[in-house]
Amino acid sequence: MSQSPSPIETDSEPAAETPTPPGTAPQPSYVKLAMRNMVRKRGTSLFHFTLTAIALLGILIGLAFIDRYFHP
């Protein structure tokens, strides 16, 4: 009961992707646009990051004090 090896399939079908016209490039992804925007506006990005970090620490420390105050 020996079986003959299956024939190797070739790539005779075209690719599933639709080709883009030569004059247009695909739009960059949201992540690439966001990273490019962060690099361009360094000061604003750093300010917002610092503000977010301070606010998060303030909330966590505030919750810790409230928890300690109400649960002796």
PDB file of N, CA and C in Angstrom:
ATOM      1  N   MET A   1       0.816  -1.181   0.000  1.00  0.00           N
ATOM      2  CA  MET A   1       0.000   0.000   0.000  1.00  0.00           C
ATOM      3  C   MET A   1       0.859   1.243   0.000  1.00  0.00           C
ATOM      4  N   SER A   2       1.577   1.414  -0.990  1.00  0.00           N
ATOM      5  CA  SER A   2       2.389   2.628  -1.069  1.00  0.00           C
ATOM      6  C   SER A   2       1.653   3.676  -1.894  1.00  0.00           C
ATOM      7  N   GLN A   3       1.765   4.893  -1.432  1.00  0.00           N
ATOM      8  CA  GLN A   3       1.112   5.994  -2.138  1.00  0.00           C
ATOM      9  C   GLN A   3       2.169   6.799  -2.873  1.00  0.00           C
ATOM     10  N   SER A   4       1.804   7.266  -4.018  1.00  0.00           N
ATOM     11  CA  SER A   4       2.734   8.114  -4.754  1.00  0.00           C
ATOM     12  C   SER A   4       2.741   9.511  -4.124  1.00  0.00           C
ATOM     13  N   PRO A   5       3.868  10.174  -4.149  1.00  0.00           N
ATOM     14  CA  PRO A   5       3.933  11.507  -3.539  1.00  0.00           C
ATOM     15  C   PRO A   5       2.980  12.461  -4.247  1.00  0.00           C
ATOM     16  N   SER A   6       2.393  13.337  -3.475  1.00  0.00           N
ATOM     17  CA  SER A   6       1.438  14.285  -4.042  1.00  0.00           C
ATOM     18  C   SER A   6       2.186  15.309  -4.895  1.00  0.00           C
ATOM     19  N   PRO A   7       1.561  15.751  -5.954  1.00  0.00           N
ATOM     20  CA  PRO A   7       2.226  16.734  -6.810  1.00  0.00           C
ATOM     21  C   PRO A   7       2.389  18.068  -6.082  1.00  0.00           C
ATOM     22  N   ILE A   8       3.477  18.732  -6.371  1.00  0.00           N
ATOM     23  CA  ILE A   8       3.762  20.023  -5.755  1.00  0.00           C
ATOM     24  C   ILE A   8       2.911  21.074  -6.437  1.00  0.00           C
ATOM     25  N   GLU A   9       2.218  21.856  -5.612  1.00  0.00           N
ATOM     26  CA  GLU A   9       1.360  22.892  -6.170  1.00  0.00           C
ATOM     27  C   GLU A   9       2.203  24.110  -6.528  1.00  0.00           C
ATOM     28  N   THR A  10       1.875  24.728  -7.620  1.00  0.00           N
ATOM     29  CA  THR A  10       2.594  25.932  -8.047  1.00  0.00           C
ATOM     30  C   THR A  10       1.750  27.155  -7.773  1.00  0.00           C
ATOM     31  N   ASP A  11       2.382  28.280  -7.759  1.00  0.00           N
ATOM     32  CA  ASP A  11       1.677  29.540  -7.522  1.00  0.00           C
ATOM     33  C   ASP A  11       1.124  30.074  -8.844  1.00  0.00           C
ATOM     34  N   SER A  12       0.153  29.396  -9.377  1.00  0.00           N
ATOM     35  CA  SER A  12      -0.418  29.836 -10.643  1.00  0.00           C
ATOM     36  C   SER A  12      -1.505  30.887 -10.432  1.00  0.00           C
ATOM     37  N   GLU A  13      -2.021  30.993  -9.192  1.00  0.00           N
ATOM     38  CA  GLU A  13      -3.058  31.973  -8.915  1.00  0.00           C
ATOM     39  C   GLU A  13      -2.417  33.307  -8.556  1.00  0.00           C
ATOM     40  N   PRO A  14      -3.055  34.418  -8.929  1.00  0.00           N
ATOM     41  CA  PRO A  14      -2.506  35.724  -8.563  1.00  0.00           C
ATOM     42  C   PRO A  14      -2.642  35.961  -7.067  1.00  0.00           C
ATOM     43  N   ALA A  15      -1.869  36.885  -6.549  1.00  0.00           N
ATOM     44  CA  ALA A  15      -1.905  37.199  -5.121  1.00  0.00           C
ATOM     45  C   ALA A  15      -3.253  37.802  -4.756  1.00  0.00           C
ATOM     46  N   ALA A  16      -3.635  37.645  -3.490  1.00  0.00           N
ATOM     47  CA  ALA A  16      -4.931  38.134  -3.032  1.00  0.00           C
ATOM     48  C   ALA A  16      -4.942  39.652  -2.887  1.00  0.00           C
ATOM     49  N   GLU A  17      -3.775  40.255  -2.733  1.00  0.00           N
ATOM     50  CA  GLU A  17      -3.718  41.704  -2.562  1.00  0.00           C
ATOM     51  C   GLU A  17      -3.982  42.395  -3.894  1.00  0.00           C
ATOM     52  N   THR A  18      -4.643  43.531  -3.820  1.00  0.00           N
ATOM     53  CA  THR A  18      -4.865  44.298  -5.030  1.00  0.00           C
ATOM     54  C   THR A  18      -3.664  45.206  -5.244  1.00  0.00           C
ATOM     55  N   PRO A  19      -3.142  45.255  -6.428  1.00  0.00           N
ATOM     56  CA  PRO A  19      -1.977  46.111  -6.659  1.00  0.00           C
ATOM     57  C   PRO A  19      -2.355  47.580  -6.590  1.00  0.00           C
ATOM     58  N   THR A  20      -1.450  48.386  -6.065  1.00  0.00           N
ATOM     59  CA  THR A  20      -1.699  49.825  -5.985  1.00  0.00           C
ATOM     60  C   THR A  20      -1.182  50.474  -7.255  1.00  0.00           C
ATOM     61  N   PRO A  21      -1.839  51.503  -7.712  1.00  0.00           N
ATOM     62  CA  PRO A  21      -1.342  52.212  -8.891  1.00  0.00           C
ATOM     63  C   PRO A  21       0.061  52.765  -8.622  1.00  0.00           C
ATOM     64  N   PRO A  22       0.892  52.879  -9.644  1.00  0.00           N
ATOM     65  CA  PRO A  22       2.280  53.273  -9.415  1.00  0.00           C
ATOM     66  C   PRO A  22       2.444  54.675  -8.832  1.00  0.00           C
ATOM     67  N   GLY A  23       1.498  55.573  -9.037  1.00  0.00           N
ATOM     68  CA  GLY A  23       1.642  56.950  -8.554  1.00  0.00           C
ATOM     69  C   GLY A  23       1.246  57.146  -7.108  1.00  0.00           C
ATOM     70  N   THR A  24       0.550  56.181  -6.510  1.00  0.00           N
ATOM     71  CA  THR A  24       0.076  56.365  -5.140  1.00  0.00           C
ATOM     72  C   THR A  24       0.736  55.358  -4.216  1.00  0.00           C
ATOM     73  N   ALA A  25       1.029  55.804  -3.017  1.00  0.00           N
ATOM     74  CA  ALA A  25       1.591  54.920  -1.994  1.00  0.00           C
ATOM     75  C   ALA A  25       0.503  54.612  -0.981  1.00  0.00           C
ATOM     76  N   PRO A  26       0.572  53.469  -0.311  1.00  0.00           N
ATOM     77  CA  PRO A  26      -0.449  53.177   0.706  1.00  0.00           C
ATOM     78  C   PRO A  26      -0.347  54.168   1.858  1.00  0.00           C
ATOM     79  N   GLN A  27      -1.479  54.465   2.462  1.00  0.00           N
ATOM     80  CA  GLN A  27      -1.489  55.413   3.574  1.00  0.00           C
ATOM     81  C   GLN A  27      -0.770  54.821   4.766  1.00  0.00           C
ATOM     82  N   PRO A  28       0.016  55.643   5.484  1.00  0.00           N
ATOM     83  CA  PRO A  28       0.706  55.125   6.666  1.00  0.00           C
ATOM     84  C   PRO A  28      -0.298  54.774   7.756  1.00  0.00           C
ATOM     85  N   SER A  29       0.080  53.850   8.603  1.00  0.00           N
ATOM     86  CA  SER A  29      -0.823  53.399   9.652  1.00  0.00           C
ATOM     87  C   SER A  29      -0.965  54.471  10.730  1.00  0.00           C
ATOM     88  N   TYR A  30      -1.961  54.306  11.581  1.00  0.00           N
ATOM     89  CA  TYR A  30      -2.213  55.258  12.665  1.00  0.00           C
ATOM     90  C   TYR A  30      -1.019  55.330  13.613  1.00  0.00           C
ATOM     91  N   VAL A  31      -0.384  54.197  13.865  1.00  0.00           N
ATOM     92  CA  VAL A  31       0.754  54.170  14.782  1.00  0.00           C
ATOM     93  C   VAL A  31       1.910  54.983  14.214  1.00  0.00           C
ATOM     94  N   LYS A  32       2.173  54.821  12.918  1.00  0.00           N
ATOM     95  CA  LYS A  32       3.254  55.586  12.302  1.00  0.00           C
ATOM     96  C   LYS A  32       2.962  57.079  12.354  1.00  0.00           C
ATOM     97  N   LEU A  33       1.726  57.464  12.088  1.00  0.00           N
ATOM     98  CA  LEU A  33       1.372  58.876  12.150  1.00  0.00           C
ATOM     99  C   LEU A  33       1.511  59.421  13.567  1.00  0.00           C
ATOM    100  N   ALA A  34       1.101  58.640  14.559  1.00  0.00           N
ATOM    101  CA  ALA A  34       1.204  59.087  15.947  1.00  0.00           C
ATOM    102  C   ALA A  34       2.664  59.231  16.371  1.00  0.00           C
ATOM    103  N   MET A  35       3.510  58.274  15.981  1.00  0.00           N
ATOM    104  CA  MET A  35       4.929  58.367  16.330  1.00  0.00           C
ATOM    105  C   MET A  35       5.582  59.566  15.651  1.00  0.00           C
ATOM    106  N   ARG A  36       5.252  59.799  14.398  1.00  0.00           N
ATOM    107  CA  ARG A  36       5.807  60.951  13.690  1.00  0.00           C
ATOM    108  C   ARG A  36       5.370  62.255  14.347  1.00  0.00           C
ATOM    109  N   ASN A  37       4.114  62.317  14.775  1.00  0.00           N
ATOM    110  CA  ASN A  37       3.602  63.508  15.440  1.00  0.00           C
ATOM    111  C   ASN A  37       4.301  63.721  16.782  1.00  0.00           C
ATOM    112  N   MET A  38       4.579  62.635  17.510  1.00  0.00           N
ATOM    113  CA  MET A  38       5.273  62.761  18.794  1.00  0.00           C
ATOM    114  C   MET A  38       6.694  63.274  18.610  1.00  0.00           C
ATOM    115  N   VAL A  39       7.356  62.848  17.544  1.00  0.00           N
ATOM    116  CA  VAL A  39       8.725  63.309  17.296  1.00  0.00           C
ATOM    117  C   VAL A  39       8.730  64.784  16.919  1.00  0.00           C
ATOM    118  N   ARG A  40       7.743  65.197  16.149  1.00  0.00           N
ATOM    119  CA  ARG A  40       7.682  66.599  15.739  1.00  0.00           C
ATOM    120  C   ARG A  40       7.379  67.522  16.909  1.00  0.00           C
ATOM    121  N   LYS A  41       6.536  67.095  17.819  1.00  0.00           N
ATOM    122  CA  LYS A  41       6.095  67.950  18.934  1.00  0.00           C
ATOM    123  C   LYS A  41       6.615  67.380  20.244  1.00  0.00           C
ATOM    124  N   ARG A  42       7.929  67.374  20.398  1.00  0.00           N
ATOM    125  CA  ARG A  42       8.538  66.761  21.579  1.00  0.00           C
ATOM    126  C   ARG A  42       8.101  67.429  22.867  1.00  0.00           C
ATOM    127  N   GLY A  43       8.125  68.748  22.905  1.00  0.00           N
ATOM    128  CA  GLY A  43       7.793  69.461  24.135  1.00  0.00           C
ATOM    129  C   GLY A  43       6.383  69.177  24.608  1.00  0.00           C
ATOM    130  N   THR A  44       5.444  69.212  23.699  1.00  0.00           N
ATOM    131  CA  THR A  44       4.047  68.954  24.055  1.00  0.00           C
ATOM    132  C   THR A  44       3.867  67.520  24.521  1.00  0.00           C
ATOM    133  N   SER A  45       4.502  66.578  23.826  1.00  0.00           N
ATOM    134  CA  SER A  45       4.367  65.173  24.199  1.00  0.00           C
ATOM    135  C   SER A  45       4.966  64.917  25.585  1.00  0.00           C
ATOM    136  N   LEU A  46       6.138  65.473  25.849  1.00  0.00           N
ATOM    137  CA  LEU A  46       6.759  65.285  27.162  1.00  0.00           C
ATOM    138  C   LEU A  46       5.930  65.939  28.265  1.00  0.00           C
ATOM    139  N   PHE A  47       5.366  67.117  27.979  1.00  0.00           N
ATOM    140  CA  PHE A  47       4.524  67.788  28.967  1.00  0.00           C
ATOM    141  C   PHE A  47       3.297  66.946  29.289  1.00  0.00           C
ATOM    142  N   HIS A  48       2.644  66.421  28.276  1.00  0.00           N
ATOM    143  CA  HIS A  48       1.454  65.600  28.512  1.00  0.00           C
ATOM    144  C   HIS A  48       1.805  64.300  29.236  1.00  0.00           C
ATOM    145  N   PHE A  49       2.941  63.689  28.889  1.00  0.00           N
ATOM    146  CA  PHE A  49       3.361  62.475  29.583  1.00  0.00           C
ATOM    147  C   PHE A  49       3.627  62.766  31.052  1.00  0.00           C
ATOM    148  N   THR A  50       4.338  63.871  31.334  1.00  0.00           N
ATOM    149  CA  THR A  50       4.629  64.245  32.727  1.00  0.00           C
ATOM    150  C   THR A  50       3.347  64.540  33.488  1.00  0.00           C
ATOM    151  N   LEU A  51       2.448  65.269  32.871  1.00  0.00           N
ATOM    152  CA  LEU A  51       1.172  65.594  33.517  1.00  0.00           C
ATOM    153  C   LEU A  51       0.376  64.323  33.819  1.00  0.00           C
ATOM    154  N   THR A  52       0.354  63.390  32.901  1.00  0.00           N
ATOM    155  CA  THR A  52      -0.351  62.130  33.110  1.00  0.00           C
ATOM    156  C   THR A  52       0.288  61.316  34.226  1.00  0.00           C
ATOM    157  N   ALA A  53       1.624  61.264  34.259  1.00  0.00           N
ATOM    158  CA  ALA A  53       2.324  60.505  35.301  1.00  0.00           C
ATOM    159  C   ALA A  53       2.062  61.106  36.674  1.00  0.00           C
ATOM    160  N   ILE A  54       2.109  62.433  36.788  1.00  0.00           N
ATOM    161  CA  ILE A  54       1.847  63.099  38.076  1.00  0.00           C
ATOM    162  C   ILE A  54       0.403  62.859  38.511  1.00  0.00           C
ATOM    163  N   ALA A  55      -0.530  62.960  37.582  1.00  0.00           N
ATOM    164  CA  ALA A  55      -1.940  62.736  37.927  1.00  0.00           C
ATOM    165  C   ALA A  55      -2.170  61.306  38.385  1.00  0.00           C
ATOM    166  N   LEU A  56      -1.567  60.335  37.689  1.00  0.00           N
ATOM    167  CA  LEU A  56      -1.732  58.930  38.071  1.00  0.00           C
ATOM    168  C   LEU A  56      -1.138  58.663  39.443  1.00  0.00           C
ATOM    169  N   LEU A  57       0.058  59.204  39.696  1.00  0.00           N
ATOM    170  CA  LEU A  57       0.660  59.037  41.025  1.00  0.00           C
ATOM    171  C   LEU A  57      -0.186  59.707  42.109  1.00  0.00           C
ATOM    172  N   GLY A  58      -0.714  60.872  41.808  1.00  0.00           N
ATOM    173  CA  GLY A  58      -1.574  61.563  42.767  1.00  0.00           C
ATOM    174  C   GLY A  58      -2.824  60.762  43.096  1.00  0.00           C
ATOM    175  N   ILE A  59      -3.432  60.179  42.084  1.00  0.00           N
ATOM    176  CA  ILE A  59      -4.635  59.362  42.312  1.00  0.00           C
ATOM    177  C   ILE A  59      -4.294  58.130  43.150  1.00  0.00           C
ATOM    178  N   LEU A  60      -3.179  57.455  42.813  1.00  0.00           N
ATOM    179  CA  LEU A  60      -2.811  56.254  43.567  1.00  0.00           C
ATOM    180  C   LEU A  60      -2.455  56.583  45.018  1.00  0.00           C
ATOM    181  N   ILE A  61      -1.711  57.653  45.239  1.00  0.00           N
ATOM    182  CA  ILE A  61      -1.359  58.048  46.612  1.00  0.00           C
ATOM    183  C   ILE A  61      -2.608  58.495  47.363  1.00  0.00           C
ATOM    184  N   GLY A  62      -3.487  59.229  46.684  1.00  0.00           N
ATOM    185  CA  GLY A  62      -4.739  59.655  47.318  1.00  0.00           C
ATOM    186  C   GLY A  62      -5.600  58.468  47.722  1.00  0.00           C
ATOM    187  N   LEU A  63      -5.704  57.469  46.846  1.00  0.00           N
ATOM    188  CA  LEU A  63      -6.470  56.275  47.192  1.00  0.00           C
ATOM    189  C   LEU A  63      -5.830  55.515  48.352  1.00  0.00           C
ATOM    190  N   ALA A  64      -4.498  55.502  48.399  1.00  0.00           N
ATOM    191  CA  ALA A  64      -3.818  54.821  49.510  1.00  0.00           C
ATOM    192  C   ALA A  64      -4.122  55.522  50.838  1.00  0.00           C
ATOM    193  N   PHE A  65      -4.103  56.853  50.838  1.00  0.00           N
ATOM    194  CA  PHE A  65      -4.419  57.583  52.073  1.00  0.00           C
ATOM    195  C   PHE A  65      -5.870  57.387  52.477  1.00  0.00           C
ATOM    196  N   ILE A  66      -6.777  57.405  51.505  1.00  0.00           N
ATOM    197  CA  ILE A  66      -8.199  57.208  51.821  1.00  0.00           C
ATOM    198  C   ILE A  66      -8.421  55.818  52.375  1.00  0.00           C
ATOM    199  N   ASP A  67      -7.782  54.815  51.772  1.00  0.00           N
ATOM    200  CA  ASP A  67      -7.926  53.446  52.249  1.00  0.00           C
ATOM    201  C   ASP A  67      -7.398  53.305  53.673  1.00  0.00           C
ATOM    202  N   ARG A  68      -6.259  53.920  53.947  1.00  0.00           N
ATOM    203  CA  ARG A  68      -5.681  53.832  55.285  1.00  0.00           C
ATOM    204  C   ARG A  68      -6.540  54.586  56.308  1.00  0.00           C
ATOM    205  N   TYR A  69      -7.124  55.698  55.904  1.00  0.00           N
ATOM    206  CA  TYR A  69      -7.936  56.502  56.798  1.00  0.00           C
ATOM    207  C   TYR A  69      -9.234  55.789  57.171  1.00  0.00           C
ATOM    208  N   PHE A  70      -9.885  55.142  56.197  1.00  0.00           N
ATOM    209  CA  PHE A  70     -11.190  54.514  56.468  1.00  0.00           C
ATOM    210  C   PHE A  70     -11.068  53.071  56.944  1.00  0.00           C
ATOM    211  N   HIS A  71      -9.901  52.436  56.821  1.00  0.00           N
ATOM    212  CA  HIS A  71      -9.703  51.071  57.275  1.00  0.00           C
ATOM    213  C   HIS A  71      -8.524  51.025  58.245  1.00  0.00           C
ATOM    214  N   PRO A  72      -8.788  51.391  59.515  1.00  0.00           N
ATOM    215  CA  PRO A  72      -7.656  51.428  60.476  1.00  0.00           C
ATOM    216  C   PRO A  72      -7.135  50.066  60.866  1.00  0.00           C
TER     217      PRO A  72
END
